[in-house]
Amino acid sequence: MTVVALINPNTSQAATTMMAGIARHTLRPEDGFEVLGITVADGPSMLVRENLLRAAGPQVVAAARRTLAGPDGKRVAALVVSAFGDPGVEQLRAEAGVPVVGIAEAAMAEAAAGGRRFGIATTTPGLADAIEARVDQLGHRAQYTGIRLTSGDPQELAATPELMRERLAEAVEACIVDDGAEAVIIGGGPLGEAAEALQGRFPVPVVEPIPAACREVRRALTAE
């Protein structure tokens, strides 16, 4: 089996289980993949502000080091960092010795493919500036139509999945109708189930970051 470790940069084990489950829809056991869900040791249960995202970077690196040094380490073929901000990705690329994929970079590359203009819909206003900075770091500013944020507290929305899904649907609609987006990313690993539920509801692609990262992992491993 080809082992891929998905690292959750927040401390919610439930989020880790959910995100690893979504990853297994793309990195399927029947295709020879095993997904390990790894939760960081310390930090908040949800990354809702830029300082928390920055602080998650060292935790992600530490979690990856523990995983690579552990009993499964020699089998780990790739790492996925499952926060929409890609904390720790650059450092891991410099030291891990295996492909490292962040869900934001993978989602943006997929959304921008073919010159498409894309927007981002998400629930965390405290991360808006960090997300915009990531757009610039990855060179997508010319195709970026902007970010649309849901109303309501992010953690309260996370506790009410149906409401969160509908608020995200409104944000996706605004990206398309008001901003002219030709694809819309659901900006967050813990928003993975909502991203799945929104498939097929709109006239443009709704990009799911976790599957996008998993597809990039498959391409990276095939190219080796």
Protein backbone atom coordinates (compact mmCIF):
# COMPACT_ATOMS: atom_id res chain seq x y z
CA MET A 1 0.00 0.00 0.00
CA THR A 2 1.11 3.56 -0.77
CA VAL A 3 0.73 5.49 2.48
CA VAL A 4 -0.25 9.17 2.47
CA ALA A 5 -0.32 11.06 5.76
CA LEU A 6 -2.96 13.80 5.98
CA ILE A 7 -2.04 16.26 8.71
CA ASN A 8 -4.82 18.21 10.39
CA PRO A 9 -3.33 21.50 11.68
CA ASN A 10 -6.02 21.86 14.35
CA THR A 11 -6.58 19.59 17.34
CA SER A 12 -10.06 18.33 16.47
CA GLN A 13 -9.87 14.57 16.12
CA ALA A 14 -13.35 14.60 14.59
CA ALA A 15 -12.09 16.93 11.85
CA THR A 16 -9.12 14.64 11.24
CA THR A 17 -11.41 11.63 10.86
CA MET A 18 -13.72 13.52 8.50
CA MET A 19 -10.91 14.90 6.32
CA ALA A 20 -9.10 11.56 6.09
CA GLY A 21 -12.39 9.97 5.07
CA ILE A 22 -12.80 12.48 2.26
CA ALA A 23 -9.21 11.84 1.15
CA ARG A 24 -9.97 8.13 0.87
CA HIS A 25 -12.59 8.87 -1.79
CA THR A 26 -9.70 9.89 -4.07
CA LEU A 27 -6.78 7.91 -2.60
CA ARG A 28 -8.80 4.71 -2.52
CA PRO A 29 -7.70 1.50 -0.79
CA GLU A 30 -8.73 -0.47 -3.87
CA ASP A 31 -6.19 1.57 -5.84
CA GLY A 32 -3.44 0.72 -3.40
CA PHE A 33 -3.54 3.77 -1.13
CA GLU A 34 -3.72 4.05 2.64
CA VAL A 35 -4.52 7.43 4.21
CA LEU A 36 -3.27 8.11 7.73
CA GLY A 37 -5.10 10.90 9.54
CA ILE A 38 -2.64 12.77 11.80
CA THR A 39 -3.72 15.39 14.34
CA VAL A 40 -1.30 18.02 15.64
CA ALA A 41 -0.45 17.76 19.33
CA ASP A 42 -1.24 21.30 20.41
CA GLY A 43 -3.33 24.27 19.31
CA PRO A 44 -6.98 25.29 18.85
CA SER A 45 -9.76 23.04 17.64
CA MET A 46 -10.35 25.40 14.71
CA LEU A 47 -8.02 27.89 13.01
CA VAL A 48 -10.05 31.10 12.83
CA ARG A 49 -7.40 33.85 13.00
CA GLU A 50 -4.16 34.55 11.21
CA ASN A 51 -2.01 34.26 14.34
CA LEU A 52 -3.42 30.77 14.94
CA LEU A 53 -2.65 29.79 11.36
CA ARG A 54 0.95 30.97 11.77
CA ALA A 55 1.30 29.11 15.07
CA ALA A 56 0.05 25.92 13.40
CA GLY A 57 3.08 25.77 11.11
CA PRO A 58 5.54 24.43 13.71
CA GLN A 59 2.88 22.02 14.98
CA VAL A 60 2.40 20.64 11.47
CA VAL A 61 6.15 20.21 11.04
CA ALA A 62 6.41 18.47 14.42
CA ALA A 63 3.52 16.13 13.57
CA ALA A 64 5.12 15.24 10.25
CA ARG A 65 8.46 14.56 11.90
CA ARG A 66 6.84 12.28 14.46
CA THR A 67 4.99 10.43 11.73
CA LEU A 68 8.04 9.99 9.53
CA ALA A 69 10.11 8.81 12.51
CA GLY A 70 7.43 6.38 13.71
CA PRO A 71 6.55 2.83 12.73
CA ASP A 72 4.74 3.98 9.59
CA GLY A 73 7.41 6.51 8.64
CA LYS A 74 9.30 4.42 6.13
CA ARG A 75 6.06 3.69 4.30
CA VAL A 76 4.84 7.28 4.06
CA ALA A 77 5.06 8.30 0.42
CA ALA A 78 3.55 11.80 0.64
CA LEU A 79 2.15 14.39 3.05
CA VAL A 80 -1.01 16.47 2.74
CA VAL A 81 -1.35 19.59 4.92
CA SER A 82 -5.09 20.03 5.40
CA ALA A 83 -5.58 23.67 6.37
CA PHE A 84 -6.46 26.40 3.89
CA GLY A 85 -3.32 28.43 4.35
CA ASP A 86 -0.82 25.57 3.97
CA PRO A 87 0.99 26.08 7.31
CA GLY A 88 4.39 24.42 7.41
CA VAL A 89 4.36 23.34 3.76
CA GLU A 90 7.53 25.12 2.68
CA GLN A 91 9.56 23.85 5.64
CA LEU A 92 8.35 20.29 5.13
CA ARG A 93 9.30 20.44 1.46
CA ALA A 94 12.82 21.35 2.51
CA GLU A 95 13.22 18.46 4.91
CA ALA A 96 10.67 15.66 4.47
CA GLY A 97 12.10 13.91 1.43
CA VAL A 98 8.62 13.05 0.11
CA PRO A 99 6.06 15.09 -1.88
CA VAL A 100 4.24 17.66 0.29
CA VAL A 101 0.95 19.16 -0.88
CA GLY A 102 -1.06 21.93 0.77
CA ILE A 103 -4.80 21.98 0.18
CA ALA A 104 -4.89 25.70 -0.64
CA GLU A 105 -2.21 25.52 -3.31
CA ALA A 106 -3.77 22.41 -4.86
CA ALA A 107 -7.26 23.92 -4.89
CA MET A 108 -6.07 27.19 -6.40
CA ALA A 109 -4.11 25.42 -9.12
CA GLU A 110 -7.15 23.32 -9.99
CA ALA A 111 -9.53 26.28 -9.92
CA ALA A 112 -7.23 28.40 -12.09
CA ALA A 113 -6.61 25.65 -14.67
CA GLY A 114 -7.15 26.74 -18.25
CA GLY A 115 -7.09 30.40 -17.29
CA ARG A 116 -10.32 30.27 -15.28
CA ARG A 117 -11.17 33.13 -12.96
CA PHE A 118 -11.90 31.81 -9.49
CA GLY A 119 -13.24 32.96 -6.15
CA ILE A 120 -13.10 31.57 -2.65
CA ALA A 121 -16.05 31.01 -0.30
CA THR A 122 -15.28 30.42 3.35
CA THR A 123 -16.46 30.90 6.92
CA THR A 124 -13.44 32.54 8.58
CA PRO A 125 -13.14 36.33 8.21
CA GLY A 126 -10.12 36.28 10.50
CA LEU A 127 -8.20 34.37 7.82
CA ALA A 128 -9.23 36.52 4.85
CA ASP A 129 -5.96 38.46 4.71
CA ALA A 130 -3.90 35.26 5.00
CA ILE A 131 -5.89 33.65 2.20
CA GLU A 132 -5.39 36.72 -0.02
CA ALA A 133 -1.66 36.57 0.74
CA ARG A 134 -1.58 32.91 -0.28
CA VAL A 135 -3.24 33.81 -3.58
CA ASP A 136 -0.41 36.26 -4.22
CA GLN A 137 2.33 33.85 -3.08
CA LEU A 138 1.07 31.26 -5.56
CA GLY A 139 0.83 33.73 -8.44
CA HIS A 140 -2.93 33.65 -8.99
CA ARG A 141 -3.85 37.29 -8.44
CA ALA A 142 -4.72 37.96 -12.10
CA GLN A 143 -7.35 35.22 -12.11
CA TYR A 144 -8.67 35.79 -8.60
CA THR A 145 -12.14 37.35 -8.29
CA GLY A 146 -12.11 37.71 -4.49
CA ILE A 147 -13.26 36.11 -1.29
CA ARG A 148 -16.84 35.83 -0.05
CA LEU A 149 -17.45 35.21 3.64
CA THR A 150 -20.41 33.64 5.38
CA SER A 151 -22.27 35.53 8.06
CA GLY A 152 -22.15 34.18 11.59
CA ASP A 153 -19.46 32.93 13.96
CA PRO A 154 -17.30 30.25 12.28
CA GLN A 155 -17.34 27.90 15.27
CA GLU A 156 -21.10 28.20 15.69
CA LEU A 157 -21.55 27.44 11.99
CA ALA A 158 -19.28 24.42 12.31
CA ALA A 159 -21.60 23.11 15.02
CA THR A 160 -24.62 23.40 12.70
CA PRO A 161 -23.58 21.74 9.41
CA GLU A 162 -26.83 22.35 7.53
CA LEU A 163 -26.73 26.08 8.26
CA MET A 164 -23.05 26.25 7.37
CA ARG A 165 -23.73 24.53 4.07
CA GLU A 166 -26.47 27.00 3.15
CA ARG A 167 -24.40 30.02 4.20
CA LEU A 168 -21.54 28.72 2.04
CA ALA A 169 -23.97 28.23 -0.83
CA GLU A 170 -24.90 31.91 -0.56
CA ALA A 171 -21.21 32.84 -0.63
CA VAL A 172 -20.61 30.65 -3.68
CA GLU A 173 -23.55 32.30 -5.43
CA ALA A 174 -22.08 35.73 -4.71
CA CYS A 175 -18.72 34.66 -6.14
CA ILE A 176 -20.43 33.61 -9.35
CA VAL A 177 -23.12 36.26 -9.80
CA ASP A 178 -21.46 39.33 -8.31
CA ASP A 179 -17.77 38.64 -8.95
CA GLY A 180 -17.82 36.66 -12.20
CA ALA A 181 -16.03 33.58 -10.88
CA GLU A 182 -15.76 30.65 -13.27
CA ALA A 183 -14.87 28.29 -10.43
CA VAL A 184 -15.28 28.64 -6.67
CA ILE A 185 -13.13 27.06 -3.97
CA ILE A 186 -14.61 26.14 -0.61
CA GLY A 187 -11.80 27.51 1.52
CA GLY A 188 -11.13 25.15 4.40
CA GLY A 189 -10.25 21.56 5.21
CA PRO A 190 -12.89 21.29 7.95
CA LEU A 191 -15.42 22.52 5.36
CA GLY A 192 -14.86 19.34 3.37
CA GLU A 193 -18.28 17.81 3.94
CA ALA A 194 -20.01 21.04 2.99
CA ALA A 195 -17.88 21.22 -0.16
CA GLU A 196 -18.99 17.70 -1.08
CA ALA A 197 -22.64 18.59 -0.48
CA LEU A 198 -22.44 21.64 -2.76
CA GLN A 199 -21.30 19.67 -5.80
CA GLY A 200 -23.61 20.07 -8.77
CA ARG A 201 -25.63 22.95 -7.33
CA PHE A 202 -24.03 25.66 -9.43
CA PRO A 203 -23.27 26.31 -13.10
CA VAL A 204 -19.51 26.45 -12.40
CA PRO A 205 -17.19 23.96 -10.68
CA VAL A 206 -17.09 24.04 -6.88
CA VAL A 207 -13.54 23.00 -6.02
CA GLU A 208 -13.00 20.81 -2.97
CA PRO A 209 -9.51 21.40 -1.51
CA ILE A 210 -8.91 17.95 -0.01
CA PRO A 211 -9.69 15.97 -3.19
CA ALA A 212 -7.68 18.52 -5.19
CA ALA A 213 -4.67 17.89 -2.93
CA CYS A 214 -5.14 14.13 -3.21
CA ARG A 215 -5.21 14.33 -7.00
CA GLU A 216 -1.97 16.33 -6.86
CA VAL A 217 -0.45 13.63 -4.64
CA ARG A 218 -1.37 10.97 -7.18
CA ARG A 219 0.23 12.99 -9.97
CA ALA A 220 3.38 13.58 -7.91
CA LEU A 221 3.76 9.92 -7.03
CA THR A 222 3.11 8.80 -10.59
CA ALA A 223 5.76 11.19 -11.90
CA GLU A 224 8.44 9.84 -9.58
